[in-house]
């Protein structure tokens, strides 16, 4: 969930909770205020009416006394109340067939030695309608205000957070092997400015560390090639000298094998350094089926030594736009991996079409660890000839060529697939 959506949702929930609490409170407070006002009006009417009513009783003309309001009545009472009584009752309205709430005041007074009860009633229909109208208007105004605030907040937040979003996009698209680091947008928000400064320093440190590591690998590989070649040449001359014992021959062969492994390691590290440095620029249109056939012919001897059955399915001519050297290395490493990790008498299946190149092999009866298998110097076998860089190089070449590498394990087969984009 995006930050703006999360804050907006929290704001919406808090507003709704506030409305659910505030509106009933507002309704009852407003109703209490209106009721207090009506009670005051009834008491005022009683105070104005009592002197006239008492005068009529003294003069004996109470039967001729006429009330302007038909909701006012009086009658003899057997006792006098200590205080006025005010309450609300519901009276059916015969005209509308509805129950109408009324506010009633009952009071007693004494005149000419007798007690009388005075009753005043006031309809609450108008006040209830007024309260409901005010409440509805209040709800509408609050909702409109909330909607306006949400709109303003969304636009304002969008403008404020735009530099941050652009920074995220630039950092996400940044490649440490790029020639230059991105220039982050200048913001007048202090927090964003500090973030940009920290990210800029982090990218600069990462790039410097990457360059130092790449130069070290490249220089070390270059420097080791010459003494390794000399050492290998001297070992070959030493093996040709006579006399030489069987024990000496075995030691020399072991040293030569280790020397060759170290030579392959330096060449692989140099290849990775060159790919990191984007030194393989040349692209050309290459026939994939032809390359697979040629590379497969180079591995005829190790395939025959392990008695591996190889099947090739090439349904249609496939052409790729990529660097020829990198494609040859990628196919060679896939074949080497399929042969080295296979069993004697195992099988290799190669399939290719316009969408993918897949090299499958038998071998271990368990799936490989996809998290670790593509890591540098991670080996899945005890073969001393393996240097643990083959799949890492395949993945690097696929990525730099715009392809994707995936692995799957089904029914004893290990499948390595290079998927091609649509050209």
Protein backbone atom coordinates (compact mmCIF):
# COMPACT_ATOMS: atom_id res chain seq x y z
CA UNK A 1 0.00 0.00 0.00
CA UNK A 2 1.30 3.46 -0.90
CA UNK A 3 2.04 5.96 1.84
CA UNK A 4 -0.55 8.45 0.57
CA UNK A 5 -3.21 5.73 0.46
CA UNK A 6 -2.32 4.57 3.94
CA UNK A 7 -2.46 8.05 5.46
CA UNK A 8 -5.68 8.78 3.53
CA UNK A 9 -7.29 5.60 4.81
CA UNK A 10 -6.26 6.37 8.38
CA UNK A 11 -7.64 9.87 7.99
CA UNK A 12 -10.91 8.48 6.62
CA UNK A 13 -11.31 5.97 9.44
CA UNK A 14 -10.54 8.54 12.14
CA UNK A 15 -13.01 10.99 10.56
CA UNK A 16 -15.78 8.40 10.39
CA UNK A 17 -15.21 7.40 14.03
CA UNK A 18 -15.29 11.06 15.04
CA UNK A 19 -18.54 11.59 13.12
CA UNK A 20 -20.16 8.51 14.68
CA UNK A 21 -19.38 9.92 18.11
CA UNK A 22 -19.87 13.63 17.45
CA UNK A 23 -23.19 13.52 15.55
CA UNK A 24 -25.23 11.80 18.29
CA UNK A 25 -23.66 14.10 20.88
CA UNK A 26 -24.47 17.11 18.67
CA UNK A 27 -28.06 15.90 18.23
CA UNK A 28 -28.74 15.45 21.94
CA UNK A 29 -27.01 18.68 22.91
CA UNK A 30 -29.01 20.61 20.31
CA UNK A 31 -32.21 18.91 21.44
CA UNK A 32 -31.46 19.80 25.06
CA UNK A 33 -30.81 23.45 24.16
CA UNK A 34 -34.07 23.71 22.18
CA UNK A 35 -35.98 21.99 24.98
CA UNK A 36 -34.57 24.40 27.55
CA UNK A 37 -35.68 27.30 25.35
CA UNK A 38 -39.22 25.86 25.06
CA UNK A 39 -39.38 25.34 28.81
CA UNK A 40 -38.47 28.97 29.33
CA UNK A 41 -41.23 30.04 26.92
CA UNK A 42 -43.78 27.90 28.80
CA UNK A 43 -42.74 29.35 32.17
CA UNK A 44 -42.95 32.87 30.72
CA UNK A 45 -46.45 32.18 29.37
CA UNK A 46 -47.51 30.83 32.77
CA UNK A 47 -46.16 33.95 34.54
CA UNK A 48 -48.12 36.22 32.17
CA UNK A 49 -51.33 34.18 32.37
CA UNK A 50 -51.67 33.59 36.13
CA UNK A 51 -52.56 37.19 37.17
CA UNK A 52 -55.38 37.39 34.58
CA UNK A 53 -56.67 33.95 35.55
CA UNK A 54 -56.69 34.78 39.28
CA UNK A 55 -58.51 38.04 38.59
CA UNK A 56 -61.23 36.15 36.68
CA UNK A 57 -61.62 33.72 39.57
CA UNK A 58 -61.98 36.54 42.11
CA UNK A 59 -64.58 38.26 39.98
CA UNK A 60 -66.43 35.00 39.35
CA UNK A 61 -65.97 35.24 35.62
CA UNK A 62 -63.60 32.27 35.19
CA UNK A 63 -66.15 30.51 33.02
CA UNK A 64 -66.03 33.43 30.65
CA UNK A 65 -62.25 33.43 30.58
CA UNK A 66 -61.04 32.57 27.10
CA UNK A 67 -57.58 31.35 26.17
CA UNK A 68 -56.02 32.41 22.96
CA UNK A 69 -54.10 29.11 22.93
CA UNK A 70 -56.21 25.94 22.97
CA UNK A 71 -53.18 24.06 24.49
CA UNK A 72 -53.81 25.88 27.79
CA UNK A 73 -56.35 24.62 30.30
CA UNK A 74 -57.10 24.82 34.03
CA UNK A 75 -59.27 22.93 36.46
CA UNK A 76 -59.88 22.70 40.25
CA UNK A 77 -57.34 20.68 42.19
CA UNK A 78 -57.51 18.92 45.53
CA UNK A 79 -53.97 19.82 46.56
CA UNK A 80 -51.21 22.21 45.82
CA UNK A 81 -47.92 21.00 44.34
CA UNK A 82 -44.69 22.21 45.83
CA UNK A 83 -43.19 22.96 42.38
CA UNK A 84 -43.97 23.02 38.69
CA UNK A 85 -43.79 19.82 36.68
CA UNK A 86 -42.49 19.76 33.11
CA UNK A 87 -42.47 16.61 30.98
CA UNK A 88 -42.92 15.35 27.41
CA UNK A 89 -45.88 13.30 26.23
CA UNK A 90 -47.02 11.87 22.89
CA UNK A 91 -50.48 12.92 21.72
CA UNK A 92 -52.11 11.41 18.60
CA UNK A 93 -52.99 13.98 15.94
CA UNK A 94 -56.37 13.13 14.45
CA UNK A 95 -55.71 15.26 11.35
CA UNK A 96 -52.48 13.58 10.31
CA UNK A 97 -52.88 10.24 12.14
CA UNK A 98 -49.45 10.70 13.62
CA UNK A 99 -48.16 10.78 17.14
CA UNK A 100 -47.02 14.28 18.00
CA UNK A 101 -44.62 15.00 20.90
CA UNK A 102 -45.67 17.80 23.26
CA UNK A 103 -43.90 19.58 26.07
CA UNK A 104 -46.26 19.95 29.08
CA UNK A 105 -46.04 22.22 32.11
CA UNK A 106 -48.33 21.58 35.10
CA UNK A 107 -48.55 24.01 37.99
CA UNK A 108 -51.02 24.66 40.84
CA UNK A 109 -52.07 27.95 42.40
CA UNK A 110 -54.40 29.06 45.18
CA UNK A 111 -57.11 31.68 44.79
CA UNK A 112 -60.15 32.48 46.94
CA UNK A 113 -59.30 29.61 49.29
CA UNK A 114 -59.31 26.96 46.54
CA UNK A 115 -56.59 25.16 44.56
CA UNK A 116 -56.46 25.10 40.80
CA UNK A 117 -54.21 23.23 38.29
CA UNK A 118 -52.97 25.05 35.21
CA UNK A 119 -51.71 22.96 32.24
CA UNK A 120 -49.81 24.41 29.29
CA UNK A 121 -48.87 22.29 26.26
CA UNK A 122 -46.55 23.16 23.38
CA UNK A 123 -46.08 21.00 20.27
CA UNK A 124 -42.53 19.85 19.51
CA UNK A 125 -43.20 19.02 15.85
CA UNK A 126 -41.59 22.18 14.55
CA UNK A 127 -38.61 21.90 16.87
CA UNK A 128 -38.03 18.21 16.00
CA UNK A 129 -38.11 19.09 12.32
CA UNK A 130 -35.73 21.96 12.91
CA UNK A 131 -33.32 19.73 14.83
CA UNK A 132 -33.41 17.08 12.10
CA UNK A 133 -32.86 19.69 9.39
CA UNK A 134 -29.93 21.19 11.29
CA UNK A 135 -28.48 17.71 11.85
CA UNK A 136 -28.80 16.77 8.18
CA UNK A 137 -27.26 20.05 7.13
CA UNK A 138 -24.45 19.51 9.61
CA UNK A 139 -23.75 16.04 8.22
CA UNK A 140 -23.77 17.32 4.63
CA UNK A 141 -21.43 20.18 5.48
CA UNK A 142 -19.04 17.88 7.35
CA UNK A 143 -18.97 15.39 4.46
CA UNK A 144 -18.41 18.16 1.92
CA UNK A 145 -15.66 19.61 4.10
CA UNK A 146 -14.10 16.17 4.47
CA UNK A 147 -14.21 15.55 0.71
CA UNK A 148 -12.66 18.95 0.04
CA UNK A 149 -9.93 18.33 2.59
CA UNK A 150 -9.23 14.91 1.09
CA UNK A 151 -8.91 16.41 -2.39
CA UNK A 152 -6.68 19.24 -1.20
CA UNK A 153 -4.60 16.84 0.92
CA UNK A 154 -4.17 14.43 -2.00
CA UNK A 155 -3.04 17.14 -4.41
CA UNK A 156 -0.88 18.84 -1.82
CA UNK A 157 0.70 15.56 -0.71
CA UNK A 158 1.27 14.58 -4.35
CA UNK A 159 3.16 17.81 -4.99
CA UNK A 160 5.16 17.48 -1.79
CA UNK A 161 6.09 13.82 -2.33
CA UNK A 162 6.85 14.14 -6.06
CA UNK A 163 10.60 14.80 -5.53
CA UNK A 164 10.77 11.75 -3.25
CA UNK A 165 9.09 9.53 -5.85
CA UNK A 166 11.47 10.76 -8.55
CA UNK A 167 14.41 10.00 -6.27
CA UNK A 168 13.11 6.47 -5.73
CA UNK A 169 12.76 5.96 -9.48
CA UNK A 170 16.29 7.24 -10.13
CA UNK A 171 17.82 5.08 -7.40
CA UNK A 172 15.86 2.01 -8.55
CA UNK A 173 17.10 2.49 -12.12
CA UNK A 174 20.70 3.12 -11.03
CA UNK A 175 23.27 0.51 -12.06
CA UNK A 176 26.51 0.56 -10.11
CA UNK A 177 28.44 -0.28 -13.28
CA UNK A 178 27.02 2.80 -15.05
CA UNK A 179 29.41 5.48 -16.14
CA UNK A 180 27.80 8.17 -14.00
CA UNK A 181 25.54 8.15 -11.01
CA UNK A 182 22.15 9.87 -11.38
CA UNK A 183 21.79 13.50 -10.40
CA UNK A 184 19.07 13.58 -7.78
CA UNK A 185 16.46 16.33 -7.92
CA UNK A 186 16.95 19.27 -5.59
CA UNK A 187 14.10 19.64 -3.09
CA UNK A 188 13.17 22.52 -0.79
CA UNK A 189 11.97 19.99 1.83
CA UNK A 190 14.73 19.58 4.39
CA UNK A 191 14.07 15.87 5.03
CA UNK A 192 14.13 15.05 1.30
CA UNK A 193 17.30 17.11 0.89
CA UNK A 194 19.01 15.11 3.64
CA UNK A 195 17.79 11.86 2.07
CA UNK A 196 19.19 12.85 -1.33
CA UNK A 197 22.53 13.73 0.23
CA UNK A 198 22.72 10.38 2.02
CA UNK A 199 21.75 8.47 -1.14
CA UNK A 200 24.25 10.41 -3.22
CA UNK A 201 27.04 9.57 -0.79
CA UNK A 202 25.96 5.93 -0.68
CA UNK A 203 25.94 5.62 -4.47
CA UNK A 204 29.35 7.28 -4.67
CA UNK A 205 30.82 4.86 -2.10
CA UNK A 206 29.22 1.89 -3.86
CA UNK A 207 30.56 2.94 -7.24
CA UNK A 208 34.07 3.54 -5.86
CA UNK A 209 34.03 0.12 -4.19
CA UNK A 210 32.77 -1.49 -7.39
CA UNK A 211 35.45 0.18 -9.50
CA UNK A 212 38.18 -0.84 -7.04
CA UNK A 213 36.94 -4.42 -6.97
CA UNK A 214 36.62 -4.59 -10.76
CA UNK A 215 40.09 -3.12 -11.32
CA UNK A 216 41.59 -5.50 -8.80
CA UNK A 217 40.00 -8.57 -10.45
CA UNK A 218 40.99 -7.38 -13.91
CA UNK A 219 44.55 -6.47 -12.94
CA UNK A 220 45.04 -9.62 -10.89
CA UNK A 221 43.77 -11.78 -13.73
CA UNK A 222 46.05 -10.05 -16.22
CA UNK A 223 49.08 -10.28 -13.95
CA UNK A 224 48.52 -13.96 -13.21
CA UNK A 225 48.15 -15.01 -16.84
CA UNK A 226 51.83 -14.55 -17.67
CA UNK A 227 53.38 -16.49 -14.74
CA UNK A 228 50.73 -19.19 -15.16
CA UNK A 229 51.62 -19.59 -18.83
CA UNK A 230 55.32 -19.74 -17.97
CA UNK A 231 54.68 -22.23 -15.19
CA UNK A 232 52.60 -24.42 -17.47
CA UNK A 233 55.27 -24.33 -20.16
CA UNK A 234 58.01 -25.28 -17.66
CA UNK A 235 55.91 -28.16 -16.34
CA UNK A 236 55.41 -29.52 -19.86
CA UNK A 237 59.18 -29.34 -20.47
CA UNK A 238 59.84 -31.00 -17.13
CA UNK A 239 57.53 -33.90 -18.04
CA UNK A 240 59.59 -34.45 -21.19
CA UNK A 241 62.91 -34.74 -19.39
CA UNK A 242 64.49 -38.15 -18.91
CA UNK A 243 64.82 -40.03 -16.72
CA UNK A 244 61.66 -39.34 -14.66
CA UNK A 245 60.10 -41.61 -12.09
CA UNK A 246 56.45 -42.55 -11.93
CA UNK A 247 56.07 -40.68 -8.63
CA UNK A 248 57.57 -37.53 -10.12
CA UNK A 249 55.29 -37.83 -13.15
CA UNK A 250 52.23 -38.06 -10.91
CA UNK A 251 53.31 -34.99 -8.92
CA UNK A 252 54.00 -33.01 -12.08
CA UNK A 253 50.59 -34.00 -13.53
CA UNK A 254 48.88 -32.91 -10.31
CA UNK A 255 50.65 -29.55 -10.39
CA UNK A 256 49.79 -29.11 -14.08
CA UNK A 257 46.10 -29.84 -13.39
CA UNK A 258 46.04 -27.31 -10.55
CA UNK A 259 47.84 -24.83 -12.80
CA UNK A 260 45.24 -25.31 -15.54
CA UNK A 261 42.41 -24.86 -13.03
CA UNK A 262 43.98 -21.63 -11.79
CA UNK A 263 44.33 -20.47 -15.39
CA UNK A 264 40.63 -21.12 -16.05
CA UNK A 265 39.78 -19.27 -12.87
CA UNK A 266 41.74 -16.19 -13.88
CA UNK A 267 40.21 -16.23 -17.36
CA UNK A 268 36.73 -16.48 -15.84
CA UNK A 269 37.40 -13.62 -13.43
CA UNK A 270 38.76 -11.55 -16.29
CA UNK A 271 35.63 -12.32 -18.32
CA UNK A 272 33.38 -11.22 -15.44
CA UNK A 273 35.41 -8.04 -15.00
CA UNK A 274 35.13 -7.26 -18.72
CA UNK A 275 31.36 -7.84 -18.64
CA UNK A 276 31.05 -5.59 -15.58
CA UNK A 277 32.99 -2.98 -17.55
CA UNK A 278 30.65 -3.37 -20.57
CA UNK A 279 33.51 -4.21 -22.89
CA UNK A 280 31.43 -6.51 -25.11
CA UNK A 281 29.67 -3.95 -27.26
CA UNK A 282 29.60 -5.65 -30.66
CA UNK A 283 26.32 -7.34 -31.51
CA UNK A 284 25.49 -9.35 -34.57
CA UNK A 285 22.79 -11.65 -35.88
CA UNK A 286 23.68 -15.22 -34.96
CA UNK A 287 22.07 -18.53 -35.94
CA UNK A 288 21.44 -20.22 -32.58
CA UNK A 289 21.04 -23.76 -33.95
CA UNK A 290 24.40 -23.60 -35.69
CA UNK A 291 26.15 -22.35 -32.55
CA UNK A 292 24.64 -25.14 -30.45
CA UNK A 293 25.75 -27.78 -32.97
CA UNK A 294 29.29 -26.39 -33.14
CA UNK A 295 29.65 -26.15 -29.37
CA UNK A 296 28.24 -29.65 -28.91
CA UNK A 297 30.86 -31.05 -31.31
CA UNK A 298 33.64 -29.61 -29.11
CA UNK A 299 32.43 -31.72 -26.16
CA UNK A 300 32.31 -35.03 -28.02
CA UNK A 301 35.15 -36.63 -25.99
CA UNK A 302 33.84 -35.94 -22.45
CA UNK A 303 30.35 -36.99 -23.57
CA UNK A 304 31.68 -40.30 -24.88
CA UNK A 305 33.82 -40.88 -21.76
CA UNK A 306 30.72 -40.67 -19.53
CA UNK A 307 28.60 -42.51 -22.13
CA UNK A 308 25.98 -39.75 -22.07
CA UNK A 309 23.06 -39.94 -24.48
CA UNK A 310 22.49 -36.50 -26.10
CA UNK A 311 19.26 -35.55 -27.91
CA UNK A 312 18.72 -32.26 -29.73
CA UNK A 313 15.32 -30.76 -30.65
CA UNK A 314 15.60 -27.78 -32.99
CA UNK A 315 12.19 -27.21 -34.57
CA UNK A 316 12.89 -23.97 -36.43
CA UNK A 317 15.78 -21.71 -37.36
CA UNK A 318 16.42 -19.21 -34.57
CA UNK A 319 18.45 -16.01 -34.91
CA UNK A 320 19.61 -13.85 -32.02
CA UNK A 321 21.06 -10.37 -31.84
CA UNK A 322 23.89 -10.56 -29.32
CA UNK A 323 27.66 -10.72 -28.89
CA UNK A 324 29.03 -13.88 -30.49
CA UNK A 325 31.80 -14.43 -27.92
CA UNK A 326 29.40 -14.18 -25.01
CA UNK A 327 26.88 -16.51 -26.67
CA UNK A 328 29.57 -19.13 -27.28
CA UNK A 329 30.73 -18.93 -23.65
CA UNK A 330 27.14 -19.16 -22.37
CA UNK A 331 26.35 -22.29 -24.44
CA UNK A 332 29.72 -23.85 -23.55
CA UNK A 333 29.16 -23.31 -19.84
CA UNK A 334 25.66 -24.81 -20.01
CA UNK A 335 27.01 -27.90 -21.78
CA UNK A 336 29.95 -28.18 -19.37
CA UNK A 337 27.58 -27.95 -16.42
CA UNK A 338 25.27 -30.63 -17.93
CA UNK A 339 28.20 -33.00 -18.54
CA UNK A 340 30.08 -32.41 -15.29
CA UNK A 341 27.05 -32.87 -13.03
CA UNK A 342 25.66 -35.82 -14.96
CA UNK A 343 26.00 -39.50 -14.16
CA UNK A 344 27.75 -42.17 -16.20
CA UNK A 345 25.26 -43.37 -18.77
CA UNK A 346 23.07 -40.31 -18.16
CA UNK A 347 21.18 -38.15 -20.61
CA UNK A 348 21.30 -34.59 -21.94
CA UNK A 349 18.40 -33.00 -23.83
CA UNK A 350 18.79 -29.73 -25.74
CA UNK A 351 15.72 -27.87 -26.99
CA UNK A 352 15.60 -24.55 -28.79
CA UNK A 353 13.03 -22.37 -30.51
CA UNK A 354 12.32 -18.68 -30.96
CA UNK A 355 11.37 -18.32 -27.29
CA UNK A 356 14.10 -20.19 -25.41
CA UNK A 357 17.16 -22.43 -25.31
CA UNK A 358 16.91 -25.21 -22.73
CA UNK A 359 19.66 -27.62 -21.65
CA UNK A 360 18.42 -30.47 -19.46
CA UNK A 361 20.43 -33.23 -17.81
CA UNK A 362 20.04 -36.12 -15.44
CA UNK A 363 22.13 -36.21 -12.27
CA UNK A 364 21.29 -35.55 -8.65
CA UNK A 365 17.84 -36.77 -7.69
CA UNK A 366 17.13 -33.64 -5.68
CA UNK A 367 16.47 -30.09 -6.84
CA UNK A 368 19.33 -27.63 -6.55
CA UNK A 369 19.21 -24.61 -4.25
CA UNK A 370 18.18 -21.77 -6.57
CA UNK A 371 19.27 -19.16 -4.04
CA UNK A 372 22.85 -20.44 -3.91
CA UNK A 373 23.44 -22.10 -7.29
CA UNK A 374 24.15 -18.84 -9.15
CA UNK A 375 26.49 -17.44 -6.52
CA UNK A 376 30.15 -16.99 -7.33
CA UNK A 377 32.38 -19.96 -6.33
CA UNK A 378 29.33 -21.98 -5.27
CA UNK A 379 29.93 -25.62 -6.33
CA UNK A 380 27.32 -28.38 -6.49
CA UNK A 381 29.82 -31.19 -7.08
CA UNK A 382 33.16 -32.43 -5.75
CA UNK A 383 34.76 -32.34 -9.21
CA UNK A 384 38.22 -30.75 -8.73
CA UNK A 385 38.00 -29.33 -12.26
CA UNK A 386 35.00 -27.18 -11.29
CA UNK A 387 35.77 -23.60 -10.26
CA UNK A 388 32.24 -22.59 -9.28
CA UNK A 389 31.87 -19.77 -11.79
CA UNK A 390 30.10 -21.45 -14.72
CA UNK A 391 26.47 -20.71 -13.82
CA UNK A 392 27.38 -17.28 -12.45
CA UNK A 393 28.92 -16.45 -15.83
CA UNK A 394 25.86 -17.84 -17.66
CA UNK A 395 23.55 -15.67 -15.58
CA UNK A 396 25.75 -12.61 -16.10
CA UNK A 397 25.86 -13.13 -19.88
CA UNK A 398 22.10 -13.71 -20.06
CA UNK A 399 21.42 -10.53 -18.10
CA UNK A 400 23.82 -8.39 -20.15
CA UNK A 401 22.33 -9.76 -23.40
CA UNK A 402 18.73 -9.06 -22.40
CA UNK A 403 17.91 -12.73 -21.77
CA UNK A 404 16.72 -14.41 -18.57
CA UNK A 405 17.97 -17.61 -16.92
CA UNK A 406 15.69 -19.95 -14.97
CA UNK A 407 16.04 -23.36 -13.34
CA UNK A 408 13.54 -26.14 -12.65
CA UNK A 409 13.63 -29.78 -11.56
CA UNK A 410 11.11 -32.33 -12.82
CA UNK A 411 11.13 -36.13 -12.63
CA UNK A 412 14.90 -36.43 -12.21
CA UNK A 413 15.74 -33.81 -14.87
CA UNK A 414 17.53 -30.54 -14.15
CA UNK A 415 16.34 -27.88 -16.63
CA UNK A 416 18.30 -24.69 -17.33
CA UNK A 417 16.36 -22.37 -19.66
CA UNK A 418 17.55 -19.19 -21.37
CA UNK A 419 14.44 -17.21 -22.38
CA UNK A 420 14.71 -14.72 -25.23
CA UNK A 421 12.78 -11.46 -25.56
CA UNK A 422 10.54 -10.92 -28.58
CA UNK A 423 12.59 -9.26 -31.31
